[in-house]
C-alpha atoms as a PDB file:
ATOM      1  CA  MET A   1      -0.142  -0.031   0.051  1.00  0.00           C
ATOM      2  CA  SER A   2       1.326   3.429  -1.055  1.00  0.00           C
ATOM      3  CA  THR A   3       2.672   5.903   1.859  1.00  0.00           C
ATOM      4  CA  PRO A   4       0.703   9.297   1.864  1.00  0.00           C
ATOM      5  CA  ILE A   5       2.632  12.068   0.476  1.00  0.00           C
ATOM      6  CA  LEU A   6       0.747  14.570   2.680  1.00  0.00           C
ATOM      7  CA  THR A   7      -0.786  13.677   6.008  1.00  0.00           C
ATOM      8  CA  VAL A   8      -2.679  16.252   7.902  1.00  0.00           C
ATOM      9  CA  ASP A   9      -3.476  14.758  11.497  1.00  0.00           C
ATOM     10  CA  ASP A  10      -6.053  16.054  14.015  1.00  0.00           C
ATOM     11  CA  LEU A  11      -4.804  19.602  13.028  1.00  0.00           C
ATOM     12  CA  ILE A  12      -5.906  22.627  15.083  1.00  0.00           C
ATOM     13  CA  VAL A  13      -5.247  26.363  14.032  1.00  0.00           C
ATOM     14  CA  THR A  14      -6.000  29.374  15.741  1.00  0.00           C
ATOM     15  CA  ILE A  15      -5.700  32.949  14.533  1.00  0.00           C
ATOM     16  CA  SER A  16      -5.504  35.488  17.304  1.00  0.00           C
ATOM     17  CA  SER A  17      -6.465  32.580  19.718  1.00  0.00           C
ATOM     18  CA  GLN A  18      -9.592  31.720  17.819  1.00  0.00           C
ATOM     19  CA  PRO A  19     -10.072  28.221  16.475  1.00  0.00           C
ATOM     20  CA  VAL A  20     -10.054  28.190  12.436  1.00  0.00           C
ATOM     21  CA  LEU A  21      -9.203  24.582  12.003  1.00  0.00           C
ATOM     22  CA  ARG A  22     -10.786  22.227  14.462  1.00  0.00           C
ATOM     23  CA  GLY A  23      -9.216  18.777  14.479  1.00  0.00           C
ATOM     24  CA  VAL A  24      -8.772  18.395  10.770  1.00  0.00           C
ATOM     25  CA  SER A  25      -7.359  15.013   9.458  1.00  0.00           C
ATOM     26  CA  LEU A  26      -6.746  14.015   5.832  1.00  0.00           C
ATOM     27  CA  LYS A  27      -4.318  12.086   3.511  1.00  0.00           C
ATOM     28  CA  VAL A  28      -2.923  12.853   0.174  1.00  0.00           C
ATOM     29  CA  MET A  29      -1.731   9.728  -1.732  1.00  0.00           C
ATOM     30  CA  PRO A  30       0.788   9.996  -4.550  1.00  0.00           C
ATOM     31  CA  GLY A  31      -0.583  10.849  -7.874  1.00  0.00           C
ATOM     32  CA  GLU A  32      -4.084  11.782  -6.271  1.00  0.00           C
ATOM     33  CA  VAL A  33      -6.109  14.771  -6.613  1.00  0.00           C
ATOM     34  CA  HIS A  34      -7.729  15.508  -3.272  1.00  0.00           C
ATOM     35  CA  GLY A  35     -10.552  18.161  -3.187  1.00  0.00           C
ATOM     36  CA  LEU A  36     -11.126  20.415  -0.202  1.00  0.00           C
ATOM     37  CA  VAL A  37     -14.578  21.734  -0.629  1.00  0.00           C
ATOM     38  CA  GLY A  38     -16.924  23.682   1.521  1.00  0.00           C
ATOM     39  CA  GLU A  39     -18.383  27.465   1.920  1.00  0.00           C
ATOM     40  CA  SER A  40     -16.404  30.444   2.312  1.00  0.00           C
ATOM     41  CA  GLY A  41     -14.693  30.454   5.746  1.00  0.00           C
ATOM     42  CA  ALA A  42     -14.607  26.504   6.005  1.00  0.00           C
ATOM     43  CA  GLY A  43     -11.084  26.481   6.424  1.00  0.00           C
ATOM     44  CA  LYS A  44      -9.968  25.235   3.006  1.00  0.00           C
ATOM     45  CA  SER A  45      -7.259  27.737   2.271  1.00  0.00           C
ATOM     46  CA  THR A  46      -6.271  27.602   5.876  1.00  0.00           C
ATOM     47  CA  ILE A  47      -5.223  24.145   5.208  1.00  0.00           C
ATOM     48  CA  GLY A  48      -3.235  25.046   2.185  1.00  0.00           C
ATOM     49  CA  LYS A  49      -1.487  27.873   3.878  1.00  0.00           C
ATOM     50  CA  ALA A  50      -0.552  25.424   6.953  1.00  0.00           C
ATOM     51  CA  VAL A  51       1.264  23.209   4.440  1.00  0.00           C
ATOM     52  CA  LEU A  52       2.989  26.098   2.613  1.00  0.00           C
ATOM     53  CA  GLY A  53       4.055  27.986   5.698  1.00  0.00           C
ATOM     54  CA  LEU A  54       1.750  30.906   4.852  1.00  0.00           C
ATOM     55  CA  LEU A  55      -0.215  31.322   7.867  1.00  0.00           C
ATOM     56  CA  PRO A  56      -0.254  34.713   9.279  1.00  0.00           C
ATOM     57  CA  ARG A  57       1.774  35.807  12.184  1.00  0.00           C
ATOM     58  CA  THR A  58      -1.024  35.854  14.617  1.00  0.00           C
ATOM     59  CA  ALA A  59      -1.855  32.124  13.739  1.00  0.00           C
ATOM     60  CA  ALA A  60      -0.683  29.187  15.875  1.00  0.00           C
ATOM     61  CA  ILE A  61      -0.780  25.395  15.851  1.00  0.00           C
ATOM     62  CA  PRO A  62      -1.511  24.296  19.363  1.00  0.00           C
ATOM     63  CA  HIS A  63      -2.177  20.603  18.232  1.00  0.00           C
ATOM     64  CA  GLY A  64      -1.753  18.256  15.327  1.00  0.00           C
ATOM     65  CA  PHE A  65       0.723  18.098  12.649  1.00  0.00           C
ATOM     66  CA  VAL A  66       1.247  18.419   8.805  1.00  0.00           C
ATOM     67  CA  MET A  67       3.592  15.688   7.364  1.00  0.00           C
ATOM     68  CA  PHE A  68       5.086  15.976   3.905  1.00  0.00           C
ATOM     69  CA  ASP A  69       6.850  12.474   2.880  1.00  0.00           C
ATOM     70  CA  GLY A  70       7.329  11.720   6.613  1.00  0.00           C
ATOM     71  CA  VAL A  71       8.639  15.228   7.529  1.00  0.00           C
ATOM     72  CA  ASP A  72       6.943  17.407  10.005  1.00  0.00           C
ATOM     73  CA  LEU A  73       6.439  20.861   7.918  1.00  0.00           C
ATOM     74  CA  PRO A  74       5.608  23.303  10.879  1.00  0.00           C
ATOM     75  CA  GLY A  75       8.514  22.077  12.874  1.00  0.00           C
ATOM     76  CA  MET A  76      11.069  22.390   9.946  1.00  0.00           C
ATOM     77  CA  ALA A  77      13.774  24.913  10.150  1.00  0.00           C
ATOM     78  CA  GLU A  78      12.972  27.949   7.981  1.00  0.00           C
ATOM     79  CA  GLN A  79      15.696  27.527   5.503  1.00  0.00           C
ATOM     80  CA  ARG A  80      14.989  23.829   4.998  1.00  0.00           C
ATOM     81  CA  ARG A  81      11.472  24.540   4.589  1.00  0.00           C
ATOM     82  CA  ARG A  82      12.154  27.343   1.937  1.00  0.00           C
ATOM     83  CA  GLN A  83      14.385  24.560   0.031  1.00  0.00           C
ATOM     84  CA  LEU A  84      11.554  22.076   0.063  1.00  0.00           C
ATOM     85  CA  LEU A  85       8.761  24.557  -0.981  1.00  0.00           C
ATOM     86  CA  ALA A  86      10.975  25.732  -3.940  1.00  0.00           C
ATOM     87  CA  LYS A  87      11.526  22.056  -5.198  1.00  0.00           C
ATOM     88  CA  GLU A  88       8.846  19.778  -3.737  1.00  0.00           C
ATOM     89  CA  ILE A  89       5.785  21.824  -3.153  1.00  0.00           C
ATOM     90  CA  ALA A  90       4.129  24.381  -5.392  1.00  0.00           C
ATOM     91  CA  LEU A  91       1.247  26.712  -5.387  1.00  0.00           C
ATOM     92  CA  ILE A  92      -1.303  27.687  -8.231  1.00  0.00           C
ATOM     93  CA  PRO A  93      -2.896  30.786  -6.589  1.00  0.00           C
ATOM     94  CA  GLN A  94      -6.434  31.936  -6.899  1.00  0.00           C
ATOM     95  CA  ASP A  95      -6.098  35.330  -8.712  1.00  0.00           C
ATOM     96  CA  PRO A  96      -4.144  35.382 -12.155  1.00  0.00           C
ATOM     97  CA  MET A  97      -4.813  39.024 -12.150  1.00  0.00           C
ATOM     98  CA  THR A  98      -2.569  39.761  -9.120  1.00  0.00           C
ATOM     99  CA  ALA A  99      -0.459  36.826  -8.502  1.00  0.00           C
ATOM    100  CA  LEU A 100       2.216  37.849 -11.155  1.00  0.00           C
ATOM    101  CA  ASN A 101       4.725  40.771 -10.619  1.00  0.00           C
ATOM    102  CA  PRO A 102       3.333  43.610 -12.849  1.00  0.00           C
ATOM    103  CA  VAL A 103       6.686  45.110 -13.653  1.00  0.00           C
ATOM    104  CA  LYS A 104       8.600  42.044 -14.551  1.00  0.00           C
ATOM    105  CA  ARG A 105       8.415  40.114 -17.943  1.00  0.00           C
ATOM    106  CA  ILE A 106       6.873  36.658 -17.956  1.00  0.00           C
ATOM    107  CA  GLY A 107      10.207  35.067 -19.128  1.00  0.00           C
ATOM    108  CA  VAL A 108      11.903  36.710 -16.048  1.00  0.00           C
ATOM    109  CA  GLN A 109       9.207  35.441 -13.668  1.00  0.00           C
ATOM    110  CA  MET A 110       9.381  31.903 -15.115  1.00  0.00           C
ATOM    111  CA  THR A 111      13.070  31.291 -15.202  1.00  0.00           C
ATOM    112  CA  TRP A 112      13.835  32.695 -11.855  1.00  0.00           C
ATOM    113  CA  PRO A 113      12.998  29.573  -9.969  1.00  0.00           C
ATOM    114  CA  LEU A 114      14.757  27.481 -12.309  1.00  0.00           C
ATOM    115  CA  THR A 115      18.012  29.377 -11.932  1.00  0.00           C
ATOM    116  CA  SER A 116      17.830  30.054  -8.426  1.00  0.00           C
ATOM    117  CA  HIS A 117      16.580  26.562  -6.992  1.00  0.00           C
ATOM    118  CA  LEU A 118      17.543  23.951  -9.636  1.00  0.00           C
ATOM    119  CA  GLY A 119      20.824  25.737 -10.633  1.00  0.00           C
ATOM    120  CA  MET A 120      19.969  25.718 -14.471  1.00  0.00           C
ATOM    121  CA  SER A 121      21.745  28.011 -16.741  1.00  0.00           C
ATOM    122  CA  ARG A 122      19.749  31.034 -18.173  1.00  0.00           C
ATOM    123  CA  LYS A 123      19.594  29.226 -21.783  1.00  0.00           C
ATOM    124  CA  ASP A 124      18.376  25.958 -20.255  1.00  0.00           C
ATOM    125  CA  ALA A 125      15.791  27.766 -18.080  1.00  0.00           C
ATOM    126  CA  ARG A 126      14.441  29.629 -20.990  1.00  0.00           C
ATOM    127  CA  GLU A 127      14.043  26.447 -22.882  1.00  0.00           C
ATOM    128  CA  ARG A 128      12.344  24.848 -19.976  1.00  0.00           C
ATOM    129  CA  ALA A 129       9.968  27.873 -19.839  1.00  0.00           C
ATOM    130  CA  LEU A 130       9.137  27.618 -23.467  1.00  0.00           C
ATOM    131  CA  SER A 131       8.431  24.087 -23.086  1.00  0.00           C
ATOM    132  CA  LEU A 132       6.229  24.469 -20.302  1.00  0.00           C
ATOM    133  CA  LEU A 133       4.348  27.339 -22.069  1.00  0.00           C
ATOM    134  CA  ASN A 134       3.713  24.777 -24.994  1.00  0.00           C
ATOM    135  CA  GLU A 135       2.636  22.290 -22.483  1.00  0.00           C
ATOM    136  CA  VAL A 136      -0.093  24.622 -21.282  1.00  0.00           C
ATOM    137  CA  ALA A 137      -1.107  25.377 -24.819  1.00  0.00           C
ATOM    138  CA  ILE A 138      -0.015  29.015 -25.163  1.00  0.00           C
ATOM    139  CA  ARG A 139       0.563  29.825 -28.687  1.00  0.00           C
ATOM    140  CA  ASP A 140       3.718  32.073 -29.797  1.00  0.00           C
ATOM    141  CA  ALA A 141       5.529  31.236 -26.363  1.00  0.00           C
ATOM    142  CA  GLU A 142       8.620  33.191 -27.483  1.00  0.00           C
ATOM    143  CA  SER A 143       6.475  36.317 -27.722  1.00  0.00           C
ATOM    144  CA  VAL A 144       4.729  35.615 -24.318  1.00  0.00           C
ATOM    145  CA  LEU A 145       8.106  35.427 -22.461  1.00  0.00           C
ATOM    146  CA  GLU A 146       8.658  38.918 -23.624  1.00  0.00           C
ATOM    147  CA  ARG A 147       5.397  40.347 -22.473  1.00  0.00           C
ATOM    148  CA  TYR A 148       4.237  41.803 -19.055  1.00  0.00           C
ATOM    149  CA  PRO A 149       1.279  40.307 -17.179  1.00  0.00           C
ATOM    150  CA  HIS A 150      -1.107  43.113 -18.240  1.00  0.00           C
ATOM    151  CA  GLU A 151      -0.529  42.206 -21.776  1.00  0.00           C
ATOM    152  CA  LEU A 152      -2.133  38.728 -21.358  1.00  0.00           C
ATOM    153  CA  SER A 153      -5.853  37.642 -20.811  1.00  0.00           C
ATOM    154  CA  GLY A 154      -6.768  36.129 -17.547  1.00  0.00           C
ATOM    155  CA  GLY A 155      -6.781  32.798 -19.027  1.00  0.00           C
ATOM    156  CA  MET A 156      -3.289  33.020 -20.238  1.00  0.00           C
ATOM    157  CA  ARG A 157      -1.960  34.329 -16.834  1.00  0.00           C
ATOM    158  CA  GLN A 158      -3.588  31.322 -15.323  1.00  0.00           C
ATOM    159  CA  ARG A 159      -1.979  28.995 -17.816  1.00  0.00           C
ATOM    160  CA  VAL A 160       1.286  30.913 -17.016  1.00  0.00           C
ATOM    161  CA  LEU A 161       0.924  30.372 -13.264  1.00  0.00           C
ATOM    162  CA  ILE A 162       0.159  26.680 -13.782  1.00  0.00           C
ATOM    163  CA  ALA A 163       3.344  26.419 -16.014  1.00  0.00           C
ATOM    164  CA  MET A 164       5.233  27.969 -13.172  1.00  0.00           C
ATOM    165  CA  ALA A 165       3.771  25.454 -10.516  1.00  0.00           C
ATOM    166  CA  PHE A 166       4.943  22.637 -12.549  1.00  0.00           C
ATOM    167  CA  SER A 167       8.327  24.157 -13.775  1.00  0.00           C
ATOM    168  CA  THR A 168      10.296  22.602 -10.713  1.00  0.00           C
ATOM    169  CA  THR A 169       8.541  19.054 -11.053  1.00  0.00           C
ATOM    170  CA  PRO A 170       7.141  19.305  -7.659  1.00  0.00           C
ATOM    171  CA  ARG A 171       5.544  16.223  -6.003  1.00  0.00           C
ATOM    172  CA  LEU A 172       2.754  18.237  -4.308  1.00  0.00           C
ATOM    173  CA  ILE A 173       0.781  21.177  -5.712  1.00  0.00           C
ATOM    174  CA  ILE A 174      -1.809  23.276  -3.721  1.00  0.00           C
ATOM    175  CA  ALA A 175      -4.417  24.567  -6.160  1.00  0.00           C
ATOM    176  CA  ASP A 176      -6.173  27.214  -4.287  1.00  0.00           C
ATOM    177  CA  GLU A 177      -9.283  27.971  -6.206  1.00  0.00           C
ATOM    178  CA  PRO A 178      -7.540  28.444  -9.379  1.00  0.00           C
ATOM    179  CA  THR A 179     -10.630  28.885 -11.583  1.00  0.00           C
ATOM    180  CA  THR A 180     -12.455  31.408  -9.363  1.00  0.00           C
ATOM    181  CA  ALA A 181     -11.660  34.434 -11.312  1.00  0.00           C
ATOM    182  CA  LEU A 182     -12.287  32.959 -14.858  1.00  0.00           C
ATOM    183  CA  ASP A 183     -15.355  32.605 -16.999  1.00  0.00           C
ATOM    184  CA  VAL A 184     -16.964  29.215 -17.317  1.00  0.00           C
ATOM    185  CA  THR A 185     -15.532  28.336 -20.821  1.00  0.00           C
ATOM    186  CA  VAL A 186     -12.131  29.154 -19.599  1.00  0.00           C
ATOM    187  CA  GLN A 187     -12.517  27.297 -16.207  1.00  0.00           C
ATOM    188  CA  ARG A 188     -13.266  24.063 -18.123  1.00  0.00           C
ATOM    189  CA  GLN A 189     -10.178  24.494 -20.094  1.00  0.00           C
ATOM    190  CA  ILE A 190      -7.961  25.178 -17.130  1.00  0.00           C
ATOM    191  CA  LEU A 191      -9.571  22.200 -15.102  1.00  0.00           C
ATOM    192  CA  SER A 192      -8.816  19.887 -17.987  1.00  0.00           C
ATOM    193  CA  LEU A 193      -5.118  21.358 -18.279  1.00  0.00           C
ATOM    194  CA  ILE A 194      -4.405  20.791 -14.481  1.00  0.00           C
ATOM    195  CA  ARG A 195      -5.560  17.259 -14.469  1.00  0.00           C
ATOM    196  CA  ASP A 196      -3.741  16.562 -17.684  1.00  0.00           C
ATOM    197  CA  LEU A 197      -0.468  18.008 -16.539  1.00  0.00           C
ATOM    198  CA  GLN A 198      -0.899  16.277 -13.062  1.00  0.00           C
ATOM    199  CA  THR A 199      -1.255  12.966 -14.848  1.00  0.00           C
ATOM    200  CA  ARG A 200       1.695  13.574 -17.084  1.00  0.00           C
ATOM    201  CA  HIS A 201       4.042  14.828 -14.233  1.00  0.00           C
ATOM    202  CA  ASP A 202       2.761  12.219 -11.669  1.00  0.00           C
ATOM    203  CA  ALA A 203       2.129  14.820  -9.191  1.00  0.00           C
ATOM    204  CA  SER A 204      -0.323  14.999  -6.380  1.00  0.00           C
ATOM    205  CA  VAL A 205      -2.750  17.940  -5.900  1.00  0.00           C
ATOM    206  CA  LEU A 206      -4.566  19.341  -2.996  1.00  0.00           C
ATOM    207  CA  PHE A 207      -7.454  21.070  -4.821  1.00  0.00           C
ATOM    208  CA  VAL A 208      -9.195  23.924  -2.916  1.00  0.00           C
ATOM    209  CA  THR A 209     -12.516  24.893  -4.158  1.00  0.00           C
ATOM    210  CA  HIS A 210     -16.095  25.604  -2.914  1.00  0.00           C
ATOM    211  CA  ASP A 211     -17.671  24.155  -6.141  1.00  0.00           C
ATOM    212  CA  LEU A 212     -18.798  20.435  -6.103  1.00  0.00           C
ATOM    213  CA  GLY A 213     -19.085  20.534  -9.679  1.00  0.00           C
ATOM    214  CA  VAL A 214     -15.325  21.254  -9.998  1.00  0.00           C
ATOM    215  CA  VAL A 215     -14.678  18.474  -7.610  1.00  0.00           C
ATOM    216  CA  ALA A 216     -16.614  16.003  -9.617  1.00  0.00           C
ATOM    217  CA  LYS A 217     -14.687  16.819 -12.785  1.00  0.00           C
ATOM    218  CA  VAL A 218     -11.081  16.479 -11.434  1.00  0.00           C
ATOM    219  CA  CYS A 219     -10.694  15.069  -7.898  1.00  0.00           C
ATOM    220  CA  ASP A 220     -10.258  11.436  -6.996  1.00  0.00           C
ATOM    221  CA  ARG A 221     -11.061  11.941  -3.278  1.00  0.00           C
ATOM    222  CA  VAL A 222     -12.678  14.786  -1.412  1.00  0.00           C
ATOM    223  CA  THR A 223     -12.814  16.103   2.053  1.00  0.00           C
ATOM    224  CA  VAL A 224     -16.029  18.260   2.925  1.00  0.00           C
ATOM    225  CA  LEU A 225     -15.356  20.888   5.414  1.00  0.00           C
ATOM    226  CA  HIS A 226     -17.554  23.244   7.585  1.00  0.00           C
ATOM    227  CA  ALA A 227     -16.178  25.771  10.120  1.00  0.00           C
ATOM    228  CA  GLY A 228     -12.812  24.041  10.189  1.00  0.00           C
ATOM    229  CA  ARG A 229     -14.345  20.549  10.925  1.00  0.00           C
ATOM    230  CA  VAL A 230     -14.300  17.554   8.458  1.00  0.00           C
ATOM    231  CA  LEU A 231     -17.916  16.454   7.936  1.00  0.00           C
ATOM    232  CA  GLU A 232     -17.499  13.903   5.319  1.00  0.00           C
ATOM    233  CA  GLN A 233     -14.530  12.211   3.316  1.00  0.00           C
ATOM    234  CA  GLY A 234     -14.028   9.539   0.899  1.00  0.00           C
ATOM    235  CA  ASP A 235     -13.798   8.649  -2.797  1.00  0.00           C
ATOM    236  CA  CYS A 236     -15.169  11.438  -5.158  1.00  0.00           C
ATOM    237  CA  ARG A 237     -17.596   9.442  -6.886  1.00  0.00           C
ATOM    238  CA  GLN A 238     -19.073   8.002  -3.836  1.00  0.00           C
ATOM    239  CA  VAL A 239     -19.435  11.234  -2.068  1.00  0.00           C
ATOM    240  CA  ILE A 240     -21.119  12.972  -5.100  1.00  0.00           C
ATOM    241  CA  GLU A 241     -23.562  10.111  -5.874  1.00  0.00           C
ATOM    242  CA  ALA A 242     -24.356   8.831  -2.370  1.00  0.00           C
ATOM    243  CA  PRO A 243     -23.509  11.731   0.267  1.00  0.00           C
ATOM    244  CA  GLN A 244     -23.855  10.613   3.815  1.00  0.00           C
ATOM    245  CA  HIS A 245     -23.893  13.844   5.724  1.00  0.00           C
ATOM    246  CA  PRO A 246     -26.783  16.414   5.684  1.00  0.00           C
ATOM    247  CA  TYR A 247     -24.440  18.949   4.892  1.00  0.00           C
ATOM    248  CA  THR A 248     -22.906  17.439   1.718  1.00  0.00           C
ATOM    249  CA  GLN A 249     -26.440  16.563   0.634  1.00  0.00           C
ATOM    250  CA  ALA A 250     -27.219  20.394   1.068  1.00  0.00           C
ATOM    251  CA  LEU A 251     -24.192  21.563  -0.834  1.00  0.00           C
ATOM    252  CA  LEU A 252     -25.239  19.176  -3.796  1.00  0.00           C
ATOM    253  CA  GLY A 253     -28.593  20.528  -3.749  1.00  0.00           C
ATOM    254  CA  ALA A 254     -27.290  24.129  -4.040  1.00  0.00           C
ATOM    255  CA  THR A 255     -25.143  23.061  -7.176  1.00  0.00           C
ATOM    256  CA  PRO A 256     -26.239  23.756 -10.605  1.00  0.00           C
ATOM    257  CA  ARG A 257     -26.422  20.530 -12.670  1.00  0.00           C
ATOM    258  CA  PHE A 258     -25.997  20.791 -16.657  1.00  0.00           C
ATOM    259  CA  ASP A 259     -27.715  17.463 -16.932  1.00  0.00           C
ATOM    260  CA  ARG A 260     -30.698  18.663 -14.858  1.00  0.00           C
ATOM    261  CA  PRO A 261     -31.344  22.212 -16.077  1.00  0.00           C
ATOM    262  CA  GLY A 262     -35.017  22.308 -14.530  1.00  0.00           C
ATOM    263  CA  ASP A 263     -33.967  21.557 -11.135  1.00  0.00           C
ATOM    264  CA  THR A 264     -34.633  24.194  -8.308  1.00  0.00           C
ATOM    265  CA  LEU A 265     -31.590  24.986  -6.458  1.00  0.00           C
ATOM    266  CA  ALA A 266     -32.063  25.152  -2.566  1.00  0.00           C
ATOM    267  CA  PRO A 267     -29.706  27.011  -0.219  1.00  0.00           C
ATOM    268  CA  VAL A 268     -28.310  25.087   2.784  1.00  0.00           C
ATOM    269  CA  PRO A 269     -31.329  24.938   5.396  1.00  0.00           C
ATOM    270  CA  ALA A 270     -30.979  27.518   8.065  1.00  0.00           C
ATOM    271  CA  GLU A 271     -31.505  25.025  10.870  1.00  0.00           C
ATOM    272  CA  LEU A 272     -28.711  22.852   9.362  1.00  0.00           C
ATOM    273  CA  ALA A 273     -26.407  25.684   9.329  1.00  0.00           C
ATOM    274  CA  ASP A 274     -27.431  26.672  12.852  1.00  0.00           C
ATOM    275  CA  ARG A 275     -26.732  23.081  14.107  1.00  0.00           C
ATOM    276  CA  LEU A 276     -23.369  23.057  12.408  1.00  0.00           C
ATOM    277  CA  TRP A 277     -22.440  26.329  14.053  1.00  0.00           C
ATOM    278  CA  SER A 278     -23.554  25.028  17.460  1.00  0.00           C
ATOM    279  CA  GLU A 279     -21.532  21.935  17.120  1.00  0.00           C
ATOM    280  CA  ALA A 280     -18.663  24.021  16.277  1.00  0.00           C
ATOM    281  CA  ALA A 281     -19.127  26.114  19.240  1.00  0.00           C
ATOM    282  CA  ALA A 282     -19.535  22.998  21.467  1.00  0.00           C
ATOM    283  CA  TRP A 283     -16.242  21.753  20.039  1.00  0.00           C
ATOM    284  CA  ASP A 284     -14.549  25.131  21.120  1.00  0.00           C
ATOM    285  CA  ALA A 285     -16.083  24.866  24.790  1.00  0.00           C
ATOM    286  CA  ASP A 286     -14.764  21.170  25.155  1.00  0.00           C
ATOM    287  CA  ARG A 287     -11.340  22.410  23.940  1.00  0.00           C
ATOM    288  CA  ARG A 288     -11.264  25.261  26.387  1.00  0.00           C
ATOM    289  CA  GLU A 289     -12.421  22.896  29.396  1.00  0.00           C
ATOM    290  CA  ALA A 290      -9.723  20.287  28.387  1.00  0.00           C
ATOM    291  CA  ALA A 291      -7.033  23.060  28.506  1.00  0.00           C
ATOM    292  CA  ARG A 292      -7.854  23.978  32.180  1.00  0.00           C
END
């Protein structure tokens, strides 16, 4: 049986002493796309930031651990963590409009990680950048390397960011809602591209999204979050076709289905939302009592 490339075990994260993640556990296997799904504020991006070491200064991890290939990430020395993140773990950020440096050409931004972290020559790094742009189906790659971000469309910028994420052949990629700022047609193309590159490069992906429709398209397994708690977890098809938790059922009921255009979409019932928040408050109270 394969060993997980990423293990999050009973992870608690607080920000300004307030719980944000409440005992989250999940595993990402080699070559797997694992979806994190839930409403805004569920804690999806916080998990990604905990893996990447990008939690705010006011954050703390009082309990649990995040293990990458058997190594505790939060407990790692800063320099070693930077080396690991440069080569082994990459990020596809949420907003292609702001993620690139507006005053540097695309070529400079793409080749810098290759020369700095992989020790490639400028010539080899440029060839690698051209190859990656071709992989993400950008036409006239030579011209794109000489352009500034504002000269590219949103979809092209996202393709550049995806190419950059795969440039150092990382073993794990955190995709933080990478299609949020794109129109529906471009979203479909980007999702297909990420899945294709993930398979081709044999990488694992932790895919953060609020959209169960996206999960159904690209993920192998899925973890459903609410208020920093795991409510349901399992094989993607099983969770989508036969959800066990009422919250997952409610999320599916609020998701548009192209194969059922006449269906009426229903919001998450208020009584269910109130119960889930009450459970989160009870979890907080139990933790405070245990800490006394």
